[in-house]
């Protein structure tokens, strides 16, 4: 059941990001480096979503595999952090709603905390959760430029 809740939450969160976050970043955070196009951004979000679904699906199929369980827990933890940094933090800093805050605070944080609490009740240690979250979080951050690069090639955009 946790995996289904996870997929529901990240789907709604990533839809919110896909619809509005690229434009918000371009408007509110002009930077020295070029911001990905909306299409590239959406492609990267879809890639992250597919990784989340793959992880959750494997957890459904192989709930007793510790590596898969830790990957799932790490993804859950990483999505909680994603709700806070950047979404909530940017909303506070810029005093403007940053897309992703609503679904992050209403869905990701509360439901994912319940998922992590259930994992603790099943015997998963907090240190294991933190390490899993750190590893999966780093993988997800590193995957964004990879997905953007794939989008540039697939969509033939610059």
C-alpha atoms as a PDB file:
ATOM      1  CA  UNK A   1       0.000   0.000   0.000  1.00  0.00           C
ATOM      2  CA  UNK A   2       2.890   2.389   0.784  1.00  0.00           C
ATOM      3  CA  UNK A   3       4.180   2.119  -2.770  1.00  0.00           C
ATOM      4  CA  UNK A   4       0.781   3.049  -4.233  1.00  0.00           C
ATOM      5  CA  UNK A   5       0.512   6.084  -1.943  1.00  0.00           C
ATOM      6  CA  UNK A   6       4.054   7.072  -2.915  1.00  0.00           C
ATOM      7  CA  UNK A   7       3.251   6.853  -6.636  1.00  0.00           C
ATOM      8  CA  UNK A   8       0.062   8.877  -6.194  1.00  0.00           C
ATOM      9  CA  UNK A   9       1.872  11.625  -4.279  1.00  0.00           C
ATOM     10  CA  UNK A  10       4.844  11.957  -6.628  1.00  0.00           C
ATOM     11  CA  UNK A  11       2.559  11.913  -9.653  1.00  0.00           C
ATOM     12  CA  UNK A  12       0.553  14.895  -8.424  1.00  0.00           C
ATOM     13  CA  UNK A  13       3.680  16.683  -7.221  1.00  0.00           C
ATOM     14  CA  UNK A  14       5.502  16.155 -10.506  1.00  0.00           C
ATOM     15  CA  UNK A  15       2.462  17.282 -12.505  1.00  0.00           C
ATOM     16  CA  UNK A  16       2.465  20.515 -10.516  1.00  0.00           C
ATOM     17  CA  UNK A  17       6.190  20.939 -11.218  1.00  0.00           C
ATOM     18  CA  UNK A  18       5.828  20.099 -14.906  1.00  0.00           C
ATOM     19  CA  UNK A  19       3.053  22.628 -15.434  1.00  0.00           C
ATOM     20  CA  UNK A  20       4.562  25.648 -13.703  1.00  0.00           C
ATOM     21  CA  UNK A  21       8.062  25.242 -12.237  1.00  0.00           C
ATOM     22  CA  UNK A  22      10.204  25.813 -15.347  1.00  0.00           C
ATOM     23  CA  UNK A  23       8.488  29.135 -16.074  1.00  0.00           C
ATOM     24  CA  UNK A  24       8.704  30.142 -12.409  1.00  0.00           C
ATOM     25  CA  UNK A  25      12.449  29.409 -12.311  1.00  0.00           C
ATOM     26  CA  UNK A  26      13.079  31.319 -15.531  1.00  0.00           C
ATOM     27  CA  UNK A  27      11.118  34.325 -14.257  1.00  0.00           C
ATOM     28  CA  UNK A  28      12.325  34.392 -10.652  1.00  0.00           C
ATOM     29  CA  UNK A  29      15.811  32.914 -10.754  1.00  0.00           C
ATOM     30  CA  UNK A  30      17.675  34.176 -13.793  1.00  0.00           C
ATOM     31  CA  UNK A  31      21.130  32.694 -13.645  1.00  0.00           C
ATOM     32  CA  UNK A  32      24.404  32.703 -15.535  1.00  0.00           C
ATOM     33  CA  UNK A  33      23.754  29.284 -16.994  1.00  0.00           C
ATOM     34  CA  UNK A  34      20.905  28.587 -19.321  1.00  0.00           C
ATOM     35  CA  UNK A  35      17.766  27.203 -17.731  1.00  0.00           C
ATOM     36  CA  UNK A  36      16.394  24.121 -19.509  1.00  0.00           C
ATOM     37  CA  UNK A  37      13.423  24.695 -21.774  1.00  0.00           C
ATOM     38  CA  UNK A  38      10.008  23.745 -20.456  1.00  0.00           C
ATOM     39  CA  UNK A  39      10.030  20.639 -22.690  1.00  0.00           C
ATOM     40  CA  UNK A  40      13.463  19.592 -21.385  1.00  0.00           C
ATOM     41  CA  UNK A  41      12.327  20.237 -17.827  1.00  0.00           C
ATOM     42  CA  UNK A  42       9.178  18.144 -18.298  1.00  0.00           C
ATOM     43  CA  UNK A  43      11.272  15.356 -19.843  1.00  0.00           C
ATOM     44  CA  UNK A  44      13.527  15.366 -16.754  1.00  0.00           C
ATOM     45  CA  UNK A  45      10.507  15.308 -14.431  1.00  0.00           C
ATOM     46  CA  UNK A  46       9.088  12.371 -16.382  1.00  0.00           C
ATOM     47  CA  UNK A  47      12.425  10.597 -16.014  1.00  0.00           C
ATOM     48  CA  UNK A  48      12.396  11.104 -12.239  1.00  0.00           C
ATOM     49  CA  UNK A  49       8.785   9.913 -12.123  1.00  0.00           C
ATOM     50  CA  UNK A  50       9.666   6.772 -14.073  1.00  0.00           C
ATOM     51  CA  UNK A  51      12.516   6.075 -11.641  1.00  0.00           C
ATOM     52  CA  UNK A  52      10.064   6.496  -8.770  1.00  0.00           C
ATOM     53  CA  UNK A  53       7.540   4.165 -10.365  1.00  0.00           C
ATOM     54  CA  UNK A  54      10.263   1.618 -11.109  1.00  0.00           C
ATOM     55  CA  UNK A  55      11.466   1.722  -7.515  1.00  0.00           C
ATOM     56  CA  UNK A  56       7.926   1.465  -6.112  1.00  0.00           C
ATOM     57  CA  UNK A  57       7.023  -1.315  -8.563  1.00  0.00           C
ATOM     58  CA  UNK A  58      10.068  -3.334  -7.591  1.00  0.00           C
ATOM     59  CA  UNK A  59       9.187  -2.813  -3.938  1.00  0.00           C
ATOM     60  CA  UNK A  60       5.675  -4.135  -4.592  1.00  0.00           C
ATOM     61  CA  UNK A  61       7.078  -7.183  -6.386  1.00  0.00           C
ATOM     62  CA  UNK A  62       9.972  -7.858  -4.012  1.00  0.00           C
ATOM     63  CA  UNK A  63       9.047  -6.427  -0.590  1.00  0.00           C
ATOM     64  CA  UNK A  64      11.534  -8.682   1.216  1.00  0.00           C
ATOM     65  CA  UNK A  65      14.560  -7.563  -0.819  1.00  0.00           C
ATOM     66  CA  UNK A  66      16.470  -5.221   1.479  1.00  0.00           C
ATOM     67  CA  UNK A  67      18.231  -3.353  -1.341  1.00  0.00           C
ATOM     68  CA  UNK A  68      14.925  -2.598  -3.041  1.00  0.00           C
ATOM     69  CA  UNK A  69      13.325  -1.650   0.275  1.00  0.00           C
ATOM     70  CA  UNK A  70      16.195   0.726   1.064  1.00  0.00           C
ATOM     71  CA  UNK A  71      16.015   2.236  -2.431  1.00  0.00           C
ATOM     72  CA  UNK A  72      12.274   2.791  -1.953  1.00  0.00           C
ATOM     73  CA  UNK A  73      12.778   4.306   1.502  1.00  0.00           C
ATOM     74  CA  UNK A  74      15.556   6.500   0.110  1.00  0.00           C
ATOM     75  CA  UNK A  75      13.270   7.737  -2.662  1.00  0.00           C
ATOM     76  CA  UNK A  76      10.537   8.506  -0.118  1.00  0.00           C
ATOM     77  CA  UNK A  77      13.002  10.436   2.030  1.00  0.00           C
ATOM     78  CA  UNK A  78      14.439  12.284  -0.958  1.00  0.00           C
ATOM     79  CA  UNK A  79      10.963  13.422  -1.987  1.00  0.00           C
ATOM     80  CA  UNK A  80      10.365  14.825   1.509  1.00  0.00           C
ATOM     81  CA  UNK A  81      13.591  16.796   1.234  1.00  0.00           C
ATOM     82  CA  UNK A  82      12.571  17.906  -2.276  1.00  0.00           C
ATOM     83  CA  UNK A  83       9.362  19.354  -0.850  1.00  0.00           C
ATOM     84  CA  UNK A  84      11.365  21.469   1.585  1.00  0.00           C
ATOM     85  CA  UNK A  85      14.449  22.208  -0.527  1.00  0.00           C
ATOM     86  CA  UNK A  86      13.854  23.797  -3.028  1.00  0.00           C
ATOM     87  CA  UNK A  87      10.063  24.349  -3.016  1.00  0.00           C
ATOM     88  CA  UNK A  88       9.284  25.565   0.494  1.00  0.00           C
ATOM     89  CA  UNK A  89      12.643  27.291   0.865  1.00  0.00           C
ATOM     90  CA  UNK A  90      12.236  29.215  -2.414  1.00  0.00           C
ATOM     91  CA  UNK A  91       8.706  30.235  -1.448  1.00  0.00           C
ATOM     92  CA  UNK A  92      10.039  31.671   1.807  1.00  0.00           C
ATOM     93  CA  UNK A  93      13.078  33.367   0.243  1.00  0.00           C
ATOM     94  CA  UNK A  94      11.244  34.918  -2.717  1.00  0.00           C
ATOM     95  CA  UNK A  95       7.953  35.461  -0.860  1.00  0.00           C
ATOM     96  CA  UNK A  96       6.201  34.033  -3.922  1.00  0.00           C
ATOM     97  CA  UNK A  97       4.539  30.684  -4.284  1.00  0.00           C
ATOM     98  CA  UNK A  98       7.004  28.208  -5.804  1.00  0.00           C
ATOM     99  CA  UNK A  99       5.219  25.446  -7.727  1.00  0.00           C
ATOM    100  CA  UNK A 100       5.498  22.203  -5.808  1.00  0.00           C
ATOM    101  CA  UNK A 101       4.864  23.640  -2.355  1.00  0.00           C
ATOM    102  CA  UNK A 102       1.176  22.714  -2.231  1.00  0.00           C
ATOM    103  CA  UNK A 103       1.595  19.071  -3.210  1.00  0.00           C
ATOM    104  CA  UNK A 104       4.868  18.884  -1.297  1.00  0.00           C
ATOM    105  CA  UNK A 105       3.403  20.115   1.985  1.00  0.00           C
ATOM    106  CA  UNK A 106      -0.079  18.600   1.672  1.00  0.00           C
ATOM    107  CA  UNK A 107       0.847  15.243   0.132  1.00  0.00           C
ATOM    108  CA  UNK A 108       4.539  14.403   0.099  1.00  0.00           C
ATOM    109  CA  UNK A 109       5.556  15.420   3.588  1.00  0.00           C
ATOM    110  CA  UNK A 110       2.625  13.976   5.597  1.00  0.00           C
ATOM    111  CA  UNK A 111       2.106  10.776   3.615  1.00  0.00           C
ATOM    112  CA  UNK A 112       5.801  10.072   3.207  1.00  0.00           C
ATOM    113  CA  UNK A 113       6.393  10.595   6.927  1.00  0.00           C
ATOM    114  CA  UNK A 114       3.720   7.949   7.528  1.00  0.00           C
ATOM    115  CA  UNK A 115       5.518   5.611   5.087  1.00  0.00           C
ATOM    116  CA  UNK A 116       8.830   6.181   6.890  1.00  0.00           C
ATOM    117  CA  UNK A 117       7.150   5.709  10.290  1.00  0.00           C
ATOM    118  CA  UNK A 118       5.770   2.371   9.108  1.00  0.00           C
ATOM    119  CA  UNK A 119       9.262   1.386   7.984  1.00  0.00           C
ATOM    120  CA  UNK A 120      10.632   2.221  11.438  1.00  0.00           C
ATOM    121  CA  UNK A 121       7.863   0.119  13.006  1.00  0.00           C
ATOM    122  CA  UNK A 122       8.945  -2.758  10.745  1.00  0.00           C
ATOM    123  CA  UNK A 123      12.509  -2.455  12.039  1.00  0.00           C
ATOM    124  CA  UNK A 124      14.260  -0.171   9.550  1.00  0.00           C
ATOM    125  CA  UNK A 125      16.754   1.983  11.415  1.00  0.00           C
ATOM    126  CA  UNK A 126      16.788   5.755  11.211  1.00  0.00           C
ATOM    127  CA  UNK A 127      20.470   5.749  10.193  1.00  0.00           C
ATOM    128  CA  UNK A 128      19.627   3.338   7.366  1.00  0.00           C
ATOM    129  CA  UNK A 129      16.862   5.709   6.249  1.00  0.00           C
ATOM    130  CA  UNK A 130      19.185   8.703   6.310  1.00  0.00           C
ATOM    131  CA  UNK A 131      21.900   6.908   4.344  1.00  0.00           C
ATOM    132  CA  UNK A 132      19.340   5.599   1.833  1.00  0.00           C
ATOM    133  CA  UNK A 133      17.867   9.088   1.447  1.00  0.00           C
ATOM    134  CA  UNK A 134      21.312  10.599   0.919  1.00  0.00           C
ATOM    135  CA  UNK A 135      22.294   8.009  -1.701  1.00  0.00           C
ATOM    136  CA  UNK A 136      19.004   8.150  -3.624  1.00  0.00           C
ATOM    137  CA  UNK A 137      18.888  11.938  -3.313  1.00  0.00           C
ATOM    138  CA  UNK A 138      22.355  12.214  -4.870  1.00  0.00           C
ATOM    139  CA  UNK A 139      21.349   9.810  -7.651  1.00  0.00           C
ATOM    140  CA  UNK A 140      18.216  11.857  -8.369  1.00  0.00           C
ATOM    141  CA  UNK A 141      20.115  15.162  -8.412  1.00  0.00           C
ATOM    142  CA  UNK A 142      22.730  13.660 -10.732  1.00  0.00           C
ATOM    143  CA  UNK A 143      20.037  12.246 -13.007  1.00  0.00           C
ATOM    144  CA  UNK A 144      18.434  15.629 -13.758  1.00  0.00           C
ATOM    145  CA  UNK A 145      21.211  16.869 -16.090  1.00  0.00           C
ATOM    146  CA  UNK A 146      21.318  13.412 -17.679  1.00  0.00           C
ATOM    147  CA  UNK A 147      17.589  13.588 -18.412  1.00  0.00           C
ATOM    148  CA  UNK A 148      17.908  17.168 -19.679  1.00  0.00           C
ATOM    149  CA  UNK A 149      20.713  16.023 -22.000  1.00  0.00           C
ATOM    150  CA  UNK A 150      18.568  13.147 -23.203  1.00  0.00           C
ATOM    151  CA  UNK A 151      15.735  15.613 -23.821  1.00  0.00           C
ATOM    152  CA  UNK A 152      18.010  17.880 -25.859  1.00  0.00           C
ATOM    153  CA  UNK A 153      18.904  14.959 -28.098  1.00  0.00           C
ATOM    154  CA  UNK A 154      15.410  13.462 -28.236  1.00  0.00           C
ATOM    155  CA  UNK A 155      13.598  16.753 -28.725  1.00  0.00           C
ATOM    156  CA  UNK A 156      16.387  18.346 -30.754  1.00  0.00           C
ATOM    157  CA  UNK A 157      16.212  21.499 -28.677  1.00  0.00           C
ATOM    158  CA  UNK A 158      19.005  23.707 -27.420  1.00  0.00           C
END
